[in-house]
Each structure stands twice: as structure tokens, then as C-alpha cells.
């Protein structure tokens, strides 16, 4: 299945947090925080404001940080992904 985001939407795949701490303690799934780092899988063309297209600030393959509870969860070919607005993206990880 192919998903093509519209307007200022971005399809992202969350990058799982590590299951062990730096000291080697393995975390239970209930103790893990929801990950905030994701990879951009697809991006829309941008939003039209007053008849002018405002381009996207992210591109496919970039790693980003998103708001903790942002987006709509979907499954694409059995993989959990999120569709978020560009405004829910906080930063690009370099």
C-alpha cells in the first residue's frame, strides 16, 4: 500500500527507544517512554496560504523530533506509522 500525505502532512515511522539503560538495566515495556524521534517516510507538497504554496521544511529520510502525543496512528503493510502536521514537528536531528 502506498500512502501519499496531502498538504502539510508528513508520514513518519517512530524509531524505537533502547530497551536497556546505559548501566545495562533492561527496561520493562511499561517503563519505557513513548519515543519522540522518527524517520520521515513521505511528505506532502506543503500548505497553501493566501494562494501561495509554503514548501515543507522536512524531506524523506530525515530524522525528526515530534510532539509527544501528535498525529494519527495508521498501519501500512503491517508497520505502525503516524501522520502528523508539519507544525507538530519540533526539530530535525542531524
PDB file of N, CA and C in Angstrom:
ATOM      1  N   UNK A   1       0.848  -1.176   0.000  1.00  0.00           N
ATOM      2  CA  UNK A   1       0.000   0.000   0.000  1.00  0.00           C
ATOM      3  C   UNK A   1       0.897   1.244   0.000  1.00  0.00           C
ATOM      4  N   UNK A   2       0.547   2.224  -0.789  1.00  0.00           N
ATOM      5  CA  UNK A   2       1.285   3.476  -0.853  1.00  0.00           C
ATOM      6  C   UNK A   2       0.448   4.584  -0.215  1.00  0.00           C
ATOM      7  N   UNK A   3       1.063   5.341   0.680  1.00  0.00           N
ATOM      8  CA  UNK A   3       0.382   6.453   1.341  1.00  0.00           C
ATOM      9  C   UNK A   3       1.086   7.733   0.929  1.00  0.00           C
ATOM     10  N   UNK A   4       0.330   8.664   0.339  1.00  0.00           N
ATOM     11  CA  UNK A   4       0.884   9.950  -0.083  1.00  0.00           C
ATOM     12  C   UNK A   4       0.199  11.045   0.734  1.00  0.00           C
ATOM     13  N   UNK A   5       0.916  11.661   1.685  1.00  0.00           N
ATOM     14  CA  UNK A   5       0.316  12.717   2.503  1.00  0.00           C
ATOM     15  C   UNK A   5      -0.097  13.925   1.670  1.00  0.00           C
ATOM     16  N   UNK A   6      -1.141  14.584   2.103  1.00  0.00           N
ATOM     17  CA  UNK A   6      -1.640  15.780   1.437  1.00  0.00           C
ATOM     18  C   UNK A   6      -1.233  17.031   2.208  1.00  0.00           C
ATOM     19  N   UNK A   7      -1.202  18.159   1.527  1.00  0.00           N
ATOM     20  CA  UNK A   7      -0.936  19.483   2.111  1.00  0.00           C
ATOM     21  C   UNK A   7       0.315  19.453   2.992  1.00  0.00           C
ATOM     22  N   UNK A   8       0.188  19.847   4.273  1.00  0.00           N
ATOM     23  CA  UNK A   8       1.348  19.938   5.162  1.00  0.00           C
ATOM     24  C   UNK A   8       1.459  18.733   6.086  1.00  0.00           C
ATOM     25  N   UNK A   9       1.015  17.574   5.620  1.00  0.00           N
ATOM     26  CA  UNK A   9       1.083  16.350   6.430  1.00  0.00           C
ATOM     27  C   UNK A   9       2.360  15.585   6.100  1.00  0.00           C
ATOM     28  N   UNK A  10       2.849  14.819   7.098  1.00  0.00           N
ATOM     29  CA  UNK A  10       4.075  14.044   6.957  1.00  0.00           C
ATOM     30  C   UNK A  10       3.818  12.644   7.496  1.00  0.00           C
ATOM     31  N   UNK A  11       4.207  11.615   6.745  1.00  0.00           N
ATOM     32  CA  UNK A  11       4.119  10.225   7.192  1.00  0.00           C
ATOM     33  C   UNK A  11       5.444   9.870   7.836  1.00  0.00           C
ATOM     34  N   UNK A  12       5.393   9.431   9.095  1.00  0.00           N
ATOM     35  CA  UNK A  12       6.624   9.127   9.827  1.00  0.00           C
ATOM     36  C   UNK A  12       6.560   7.741  10.445  1.00  0.00           C
ATOM     37  N   UNK A  13       7.741   7.171  10.666  1.00  0.00           N
ATOM     38  CA  UNK A  13       7.870   5.889  11.356  1.00  0.00           C
ATOM     39  C   UNK A  13       8.701   6.150  12.602  1.00  0.00           C
ATOM     40  N   UNK A  14       8.132   5.843  13.761  1.00  0.00           N
ATOM     41  CA  UNK A  14       8.824   6.092  15.021  1.00  0.00           C
ATOM     42  C   UNK A  14      10.042   5.181  15.147  1.00  0.00           C
ATOM     43  N   UNK A  15      11.119   5.719  15.697  1.00  0.00           N
ATOM     44  CA  UNK A  15      12.327   4.956  15.954  1.00  0.00           C
ATOM     45  C   UNK A  15      12.259   4.500  17.403  1.00  0.00           C
ATOM     46  N   UNK A  16      12.301   3.182  17.601  1.00  0.00           N
ATOM     47  CA  UNK A  16      12.122   2.617  18.937  1.00  0.00           C
ATOM     48  C   UNK A  16      13.244   3.033  19.879  1.00  0.00           C
ATOM     49  N   UNK A  17      12.862   3.295  21.119  1.00  0.00           N
ATOM     50  CA  UNK A  17      13.835   3.648  22.150  1.00  0.00           C
ATOM     51  C   UNK A  17      14.599   2.392  22.575  1.00  0.00           C
ATOM     52  N   UNK A  18      15.782   2.592  23.102  1.00  0.00           N
ATOM     53  CA  UNK A  18      16.580   1.456  23.560  1.00  0.00           C
ATOM     54  C   UNK A  18      15.896   0.777  24.736  1.00  0.00           C
ATOM     55  N   UNK A  19      16.091  -0.533  24.819  1.00  0.00           N
ATOM     56  CA  UNK A  19      15.448  -1.302  25.878  1.00  0.00           C
ATOM     57  C   UNK A  19      16.328  -1.455  27.110  1.00  0.00           C
ATOM     58  N   UNK A  20      17.558  -0.965  27.044  1.00  0.00           N
ATOM     59  CA  UNK A  20      18.443  -1.038  28.209  1.00  0.00           C
ATOM     60  C   UNK A  20      18.970   0.352  28.529  1.00  0.00           C
ATOM     61  N   UNK A  21      19.260   0.564  29.790  1.00  0.00           N
ATOM     62  CA  UNK A  21      19.847   1.835  30.213  1.00  0.00           C
ATOM     63  C   UNK A  21      21.349   1.794  29.952  1.00  0.00           C
ATOM     64  N   UNK A  22      22.025   2.917  30.155  1.00  0.00           N
ATOM     65  CA  UNK A  22      23.472   2.970  29.954  1.00  0.00           C
ATOM     66  C   UNK A  22      24.202   2.025  30.903  1.00  0.00           C
ATOM     67  N   UNK A  23      23.617   1.785  32.081  1.00  0.00           N
ATOM     68  CA  UNK A  23      24.255   0.890  33.045  1.00  0.00           C
ATOM     69  C   UNK A  23      23.919  -0.575  32.797  1.00  0.00           C
ATOM     70  N   UNK A  24      23.106  -0.878  31.765  1.00  0.00           N
ATOM     71  CA  UNK A  24      22.824  -2.263  31.404  1.00  0.00           C
ATOM     72  C   UNK A  24      21.525  -2.819  31.953  1.00  0.00           C
ATOM     73  N   UNK A  25      20.720  -2.003  32.615  1.00  0.00           N
ATOM     74  CA  UNK A  25      19.449  -2.472  33.164  1.00  0.00           C
ATOM     75  C   UNK A  25      18.436  -2.559  32.034  1.00  0.00           C
ATOM     76  N   UNK A  26      17.775  -3.716  31.922  1.00  0.00           N
ATOM     77  CA  UNK A  26      16.762  -3.909  30.883  1.00  0.00           C
ATOM     78  C   UNK A  26      15.439  -3.362  31.389  1.00  0.00           C
ATOM     79  N   UNK A  27      14.805  -2.491  30.559  1.00  0.00           N
ATOM     80  CA  UNK A  27      13.551  -1.849  30.950  1.00  0.00           C
ATOM     81  C   UNK A  27      12.353  -2.690  30.534  1.00  0.00           C
ATOM     82  N   UNK A  28      11.359  -2.754  31.412  1.00  0.00           N
ATOM     83  CA  UNK A  28      10.096  -3.394  31.068  1.00  0.00           C
ATOM     84  C   UNK A  28       9.348  -2.488  30.100  1.00  0.00           C
ATOM     85  N   UNK A  29       8.459  -3.063  29.297  1.00  0.00           N
ATOM     86  CA  UNK A  29       7.751  -2.263  28.297  1.00  0.00           C
ATOM     87  C   UNK A  29       6.900  -1.171  28.931  1.00  0.00           C
ATOM     88  N   UNK A  30       6.418  -1.386  30.150  1.00  0.00           N
ATOM     89  CA  UNK A  30       5.612  -0.375  30.831  1.00  0.00           C
ATOM     90  C   UNK A  30       6.462   0.789  31.333  1.00  0.00           C
ATOM     91  N   UNK A  31       7.765   0.591  31.480  1.00  0.00           N
ATOM     92  CA  UNK A  31       8.647   1.640  31.992  1.00  0.00           C
ATOM     93  C   UNK A  31       9.222   2.518  30.885  1.00  0.00           C
ATOM     94  N   UNK A  32       9.070   2.095  29.640  1.00  0.00           N
ATOM     95  CA  UNK A  32       9.627   2.858  28.521  1.00  0.00           C
ATOM     96  C   UNK A  32       8.751   4.065  28.221  1.00  0.00           C
ATOM     97  N   UNK A  33       9.399   5.158  27.861  1.00  0.00           N
ATOM     98  CA  UNK A  33       8.667   6.339  27.429  1.00  0.00           C
ATOM     99  C   UNK A  33       8.326   6.197  25.951  1.00  0.00           C
ATOM    100  N   UNK A  34       7.271   6.878  25.533  1.00  0.00           N
ATOM    101  CA  UNK A  34       6.894   6.885  24.129  1.00  0.00           C
ATOM    102  C   UNK A  34       8.012   7.584  23.349  1.00  0.00           C
ATOM    103  N   UNK A  35       8.514   6.962  22.267  1.00  0.00           N
ATOM    104  CA  UNK A  35       9.600   7.592  21.513  1.00  0.00           C
ATOM    105  C   UNK A  35       9.143   8.883  20.846  1.00  0.00           C
ATOM    106  N   UNK A  36      10.062   9.821  20.699  1.00  0.00           N
ATOM    107  CA  UNK A  36       9.753  11.093  20.061  1.00  0.00           C
ATOM    108  C   UNK A  36      10.574  11.308  18.803  1.00  0.00           C
ATOM    109  N   UNK A  37      11.527  10.415  18.535  1.00  0.00           N
ATOM    110  CA  UNK A  37      12.350  10.534  17.338  1.00  0.00           C
ATOM    111  C   UNK A  37      11.756   9.625  16.266  1.00  0.00           C
ATOM    112  N   UNK A  38      11.652  10.163  15.042  1.00  0.00           N
ATOM    113  CA  UNK A  38      11.042   9.410  13.953  1.00  0.00           C
ATOM    114  C   UNK A  38      11.785   9.674  12.650  1.00  0.00           C
ATOM    115  N   UNK A  39      11.530   8.801  11.678  1.00  0.00           N
ATOM    116  CA  UNK A  39      12.083   8.977  10.340  1.00  0.00           C
ATOM    117  C   UNK A  39      10.959   9.382   9.401  1.00  0.00           C
ATOM    118  N   UNK A  40      11.228  10.361   8.542  1.00  0.00           N
ATOM    119  CA  UNK A  40      10.235  10.809   7.567  1.00  0.00           C
ATOM    120  C   UNK A  40      10.181   9.793   6.432  1.00  0.00           C
ATOM    121  N   UNK A  41       8.993   9.224   6.198  1.00  0.00           N
ATOM    122  CA  UNK A  41       8.780   8.245   5.141  1.00  0.00           C
ATOM    123  C   UNK A  41       8.249   8.928   3.881  1.00  0.00           C
ATOM    124  N   UNK A  42       7.340   9.886   4.056  1.00  0.00           N
ATOM    125  CA  UNK A  42       6.776  10.635   2.927  1.00  0.00           C
ATOM    126  C   UNK A  42       6.301  11.990   3.434  1.00  0.00           C
ATOM    127  N   UNK A  43       6.292  12.974   2.557  1.00  0.00           N
ATOM    128  CA  UNK A  43       5.842  14.312   2.934  1.00  0.00           C
ATOM    129  C   UNK A  43       4.970  14.885   1.828  1.00  0.00           C
ATOM    130  N   UNK A  44       3.962  15.655   2.242  1.00  0.00           N
ATOM    131  CA  UNK A  44       3.094  16.326   1.284  1.00  0.00           C
ATOM    132  C   UNK A  44       3.819  17.482   0.613  1.00  0.00           C
ATOM    133  N   UNK A  45       3.157  18.142  -0.339  1.00  0.00           N
ATOM    134  CA  UNK A  45       3.798  19.236  -1.081  1.00  0.00           C
ATOM    135  C   UNK A  45       3.951  20.523  -0.282  1.00  0.00           C
ATOM    136  N   UNK A  46       3.162  20.698   0.755  1.00  0.00           N
ATOM    137  CA  UNK A  46       3.186  21.924   1.538  1.00  0.00           C
ATOM    138  C   UNK A  46       1.795  22.498   1.638  1.00  0.00           C
ATOM    139  N   UNK A  47       1.652  23.541   2.424  1.00  0.00           N
ATOM    140  CA  UNK A  47       0.345  24.156   2.661  1.00  0.00           C
ATOM    141  C   UNK A  47       0.200  25.422   1.822  1.00  0.00           C
ATOM    142  N   UNK A  48      -1.005  25.658   1.319  1.00  0.00           N
ATOM    143  CA  UNK A  48      -1.279  26.874   0.568  1.00  0.00           C
ATOM    144  C   UNK A  48      -1.861  27.920   1.509  1.00  0.00           C
ATOM    145  N   UNK A  49      -1.167  29.057   1.632  1.00  0.00           N
ATOM    146  CA  UNK A  49      -1.603  30.148   2.490  1.00  0.00           C
ATOM    147  C   UNK A  49      -1.767  31.385   1.616  1.00  0.00           C
ATOM    148  N   UNK A  50      -2.970  31.936   1.590  1.00  0.00           N
ATOM    149  CA  UNK A  50      -3.275  33.118   0.766  1.00  0.00           C
ATOM    150  C   UNK A  50      -2.876  32.918  -0.696  1.00  0.00           C
ATOM    151  N   UNK A  51      -3.082  31.698  -1.213  1.00  0.00           N
ATOM    152  CA  UNK A  51      -2.797  31.417  -2.614  1.00  0.00           C
ATOM    153  C   UNK A  51      -1.344  31.143  -2.928  1.00  0.00           C
ATOM    154  N   UNK A  52      -0.481  31.131  -1.910  1.00  0.00           N
ATOM    155  CA  UNK A  52       0.945  30.881  -2.118  1.00  0.00           C
ATOM    156  C   UNK A  52       1.318  29.567  -1.436  1.00  0.00           C
ATOM    157  N   UNK A  53       2.011  28.679  -2.154  1.00  0.00           N
ATOM    158  CA  UNK A  53       2.433  27.395  -1.599  1.00  0.00           C
ATOM    159  C   UNK A  53       3.622  27.594  -0.664  1.00  0.00           C
ATOM    160  N   UNK A  54       3.459  27.199   0.600  1.00  0.00           N
ATOM    161  CA  UNK A  54       4.540  27.241   1.581  1.00  0.00           C
ATOM    162  C   UNK A  54       5.165  25.845   1.586  1.00  0.00           C
ATOM    163  N   UNK A  55       6.415  25.696   1.113  1.00  0.00           N
ATOM    164  CA  UNK A  55       7.024  24.369   0.985  1.00  0.00           C
ATOM    165  C   UNK A  55       7.309  23.722   2.337  1.00  0.00           C
ATOM    166  N   UNK A  56       7.497  22.404   2.294  1.00  0.00           N
ATOM    167  CA  UNK A  56       7.797  21.642   3.506  1.00  0.00           C
ATOM    168  C   UNK A  56       9.229  21.913   3.959  1.00  0.00           C
ATOM    169  N   UNK A  57       9.446  21.845   5.275  1.00  0.00           N
ATOM    170  CA  UNK A  57      10.774  22.041   5.849  1.00  0.00           C
ATOM    171  C   UNK A  57      11.510  20.727   6.059  1.00  0.00           C
ATOM    172  N   UNK A  58      10.836  19.589   5.823  1.00  0.00           N
ATOM    173  CA  UNK A  58      11.453  18.276   6.005  1.00  0.00           C
ATOM    174  C   UNK A  58      11.382  17.508   4.695  1.00  0.00           C
ATOM    175  N   UNK A  59      12.270  16.523   4.567  1.00  0.00           N
ATOM    176  CA  UNK A  59      12.260  15.682   3.373  1.00  0.00           C
ATOM    177  C   UNK A  59      12.405  14.219   3.774  1.00  0.00           C
ATOM    178  N   UNK A  60      12.116  13.341   2.848  1.00  0.00           N
ATOM    179  CA  UNK A  60      12.151  11.902   3.093  1.00  0.00           C
ATOM    180  C   UNK A  60      13.545  11.482   3.565  1.00  0.00           C
ATOM    181  N   UNK A  61      13.573  10.644   4.594  1.00  0.00           N
ATOM    182  CA  UNK A  61      14.829  10.117   5.125  1.00  0.00           C
ATOM    183  C   UNK A  61      15.379  10.874   6.318  1.00  0.00           C
ATOM    184  N   UNK A  62      14.904  12.088   6.561  1.00  0.00           N
ATOM    185  CA  UNK A  62      15.396  12.853   7.711  1.00  0.00           C
ATOM    186  C   UNK A  62      14.859  12.259   9.012  1.00  0.00           C
ATOM    187  N   UNK A  63      15.635  12.411  10.077  1.00  0.00           N
ATOM    188  CA  UNK A  63      15.177  12.039  11.412  1.00  0.00           C
ATOM    189  C   UNK A  63      14.697  13.316  12.087  1.00  0.00           C
ATOM    190  N   UNK A  64      13.537  13.214  12.740  1.00  0.00           N
ATOM    191  CA  UNK A  64      12.910  14.392  13.341  1.00  0.00           C
ATOM    192  C   UNK A  64      12.475  14.089  14.768  1.00  0.00           C
ATOM    193  N   UNK A  65      12.173  15.147  15.509  1.00  0.00           N
ATOM    194  CA  UNK A  65      11.583  15.026  16.841  1.00  0.00           C
ATOM    195  C   UNK A  65      10.178  15.601  16.743  1.00  0.00           C
ATOM    196  N   UNK A  66       9.187  14.817  17.195  1.00  0.00           N
ATOM    197  CA  UNK A  66       7.794  15.243  17.115  1.00  0.00           C
ATOM    198  C   UNK A  66       7.218  15.432  18.515  1.00  0.00           C
ATOM    199  N   UNK A  67       6.129  16.187  18.597  1.00  0.00           N
ATOM    200  CA  UNK A  67       5.418  16.357  19.862  1.00  0.00           C
ATOM    201  C   UNK A  67       5.007  14.990  20.393  1.00  0.00           C
ATOM    202  N   UNK A  68       4.969  14.853  21.696  1.00  0.00           N
ATOM    203  CA  UNK A  68       4.754  13.552  22.331  1.00  0.00           C
ATOM    204  C   UNK A  68       3.447  12.875  21.923  1.00  0.00           C
ATOM    205  N   UNK A  69       2.350  13.599  21.850  1.00  0.00           N
ATOM    206  CA  UNK A  69       1.064  12.964  21.560  1.00  0.00           C
ATOM    207  C   UNK A  69       0.477  13.445  20.239  1.00  0.00           C
ATOM    208  N   UNK A  70       1.340  13.750  19.278  1.00  0.00           N
ATOM    209  CA  UNK A  70       0.890  14.279  17.986  1.00  0.00           C
ATOM    210  C   UNK A  70       0.517  13.154  17.029  1.00  0.00           C
ATOM    211  N   UNK A  71      -0.316  13.487  16.069  1.00  0.00           N
ATOM    212  CA  UNK A  71      -0.543  12.619  14.933  1.00  0.00           C
ATOM    213  C   UNK A  71      -1.667  11.621  15.036  1.00  0.00           C
ATOM    214  N   UNK A  72      -1.890  10.966  13.909  1.00  0.00           N
ATOM    215  CA  UNK A  72      -2.892   9.925  13.776  1.00  0.00           C
ATOM    216  C   UNK A  72      -2.173   8.621  13.446  1.00  0.00           C
ATOM    217  N   UNK A  73      -2.415   7.602  14.258  1.00  0.00           N
ATOM    218  CA  UNK A  73      -1.751   6.317  14.063  1.00  0.00           C
ATOM    219  C   UNK A  73      -2.420   5.543  12.939  1.00  0.00           C
ATOM    220  N   UNK A  74      -1.588   4.964  12.046  1.00  0.00           N
ATOM    221  CA  UNK A  74      -2.089   4.102  10.978  1.00  0.00           C
ATOM    222  C   UNK A  74      -1.156   2.906  10.848  1.00  0.00           C
ATOM    223  N   UNK A  75      -1.620   1.867  10.150  1.00  0.00           N
ATOM    224  CA  UNK A  75      -0.786   0.709   9.839  1.00  0.00           C
ATOM    225  C   UNK A  75      -0.624   0.645   8.328  1.00  0.00           C
ATOM    226  N   UNK A  76       0.619   0.587   7.870  1.00  0.00           N
ATOM    227  CA  UNK A  76       0.920   0.481   6.453  1.00  0.00           C
ATOM    228  C   UNK A  76       1.710  -0.806   6.255  1.00  0.00           C
ATOM    229  N   UNK A  77       1.116  -1.760   5.562  1.00  0.00           N
ATOM    230  CA  UNK A  77       1.737  -3.070   5.330  1.00  0.00           C
ATOM    231  C   UNK A  77       2.219  -3.706   6.636  1.00  0.00           C
ATOM    232  N   UNK A  78       1.421  -3.580   7.693  1.00  0.00           N
ATOM    233  CA  UNK A  78       1.738  -4.191   8.982  1.00  0.00           C
ATOM    234  C   UNK A  78       2.694  -3.403   9.848  1.00  0.00           C
ATOM    235  N   UNK A  79       3.116  -2.230   9.402  1.00  0.00           N
ATOM    236  CA  UNK A  79       4.060  -1.394  10.158  1.00  0.00           C
ATOM    237  C   UNK A  79       3.299  -0.201  10.737  1.00  0.00           C
ATOM    238  N   UNK A  80       3.470   0.051  12.034  1.00  0.00           N
ATOM    239  CA  UNK A  80       2.826   1.192  12.683  1.00  0.00           C
ATOM    240  C   UNK A  80       3.514   2.484  12.278  1.00  0.00           C
ATOM    241  N   UNK A  81       2.718   3.445  11.810  1.00  0.00           N
ATOM    242  CA  UNK A  81       3.236   4.750  11.406  1.00  0.00           C
ATOM    243  C   UNK A  81       2.299   5.837  11.905  1.00  0.00           C
ATOM    244  N   UNK A  82       2.725   7.080  11.767  1.00  0.00           N
ATOM    245  CA  UNK A  82       1.929   8.236  12.167  1.00  0.00           C
ATOM    246  C   UNK A  82       1.855   9.228  11.015  1.00  0.00           C
ATOM    247  N   UNK A  83       0.723   9.901  10.917  1.00  0.00           N
ATOM    248  CA  UNK A  83       0.609  11.050  10.028  1.00  0.00           C
ATOM    249  C   UNK A  83       0.500  12.276  10.926  1.00  0.00           C
ATOM    250  N   UNK A  84       1.449  13.214  10.786  1.00  0.00           N
ATOM    251  CA  UNK A  84       1.468  14.419  11.615  1.00  0.00           C
ATOM    252  C   UNK A  84       1.470  15.657  10.728  1.00  0.00           C
ATOM    253  N   UNK A  85       1.057  16.770  11.305  1.00  0.00           N
ATOM    254  CA  UNK A  85       1.151  18.058  10.610  1.00  0.00           C
ATOM    255  C   UNK A  85       2.588  18.557  10.742  1.00  0.00           C
ATOM    256  N   UNK A  86       3.007  19.367   9.789  1.00  0.00           N
ATOM    257  CA  UNK A  86       4.350  19.932   9.859  1.00  0.00           C
ATOM    258  C   UNK A  86       4.550  20.736  11.148  1.00  0.00           C
ATOM    259  N   UNK A  87       3.487  21.358  11.653  1.00  0.00           N
ATOM    260  CA  UNK A  87       3.598  22.157  12.875  1.00  0.00           C
ATOM    261  C   UNK A  87       3.844  21.297  14.119  1.00  0.00           C
ATOM    262  N   UNK A  88       3.596  19.966  14.041  1.00  0.00           N
ATOM    263  CA  UNK A  88       3.864  19.059  15.166  1.00  0.00           C
ATOM    264  C   UNK A  88       5.321  18.618  15.209  1.00  0.00           C
ATOM    265  N   UNK A  89       6.089  18.957  14.177  1.00  0.00           N
ATOM    266  CA  UNK A  89       7.499  18.613  14.131  1.00  0.00           C
ATOM    267  C   UNK A  89       8.273  19.700  14.862  1.00  0.00           C
ATOM    268  N   UNK A  90       9.029  19.291  15.878  1.00  0.00           N
ATOM    269  CA  UNK A  90       9.745  20.236  16.721  1.00  0.00           C
ATOM    270  C   UNK A  90      11.156  20.547  16.223  1.00  0.00           C
ATOM    271  N   UNK A  91      11.836  19.529  15.649  1.00  0.00           N
ATOM    272  CA  UNK A  91      13.224  19.736  15.233  1.00  0.00           C
ATOM    273  C   UNK A  91      13.638  18.641  14.266  1.00  0.00           C
ATOM    274  N   UNK A  92      14.723  18.923  13.539  1.00  0.00           N
ATOM    275  CA  UNK A  92      15.357  17.926  12.675  1.00  0.00           C
ATOM    276  C   UNK A  92      16.630  17.483  13.387  1.00  0.00           C
ATOM    277  N   UNK A  93      16.849  16.161  13.460  1.00  0.00           N
ATOM    278  CA  UNK A  93      18.034  15.608  14.108  1.00  0.00           C
ATOM    279  C   UNK A  93      19.124  15.458  13.055  1.00  0.00           C
ATOM    280  N   UNK A  94      20.279  16.058  13.310  1.00  0.00           N
ATOM    281  CA  UNK A  94      21.398  15.967  12.352  1.00  0.00           C
ATOM    282  C   UNK A  94      22.530  15.179  12.937  1.00  0.00           C
TER     283      UNK A  94
END
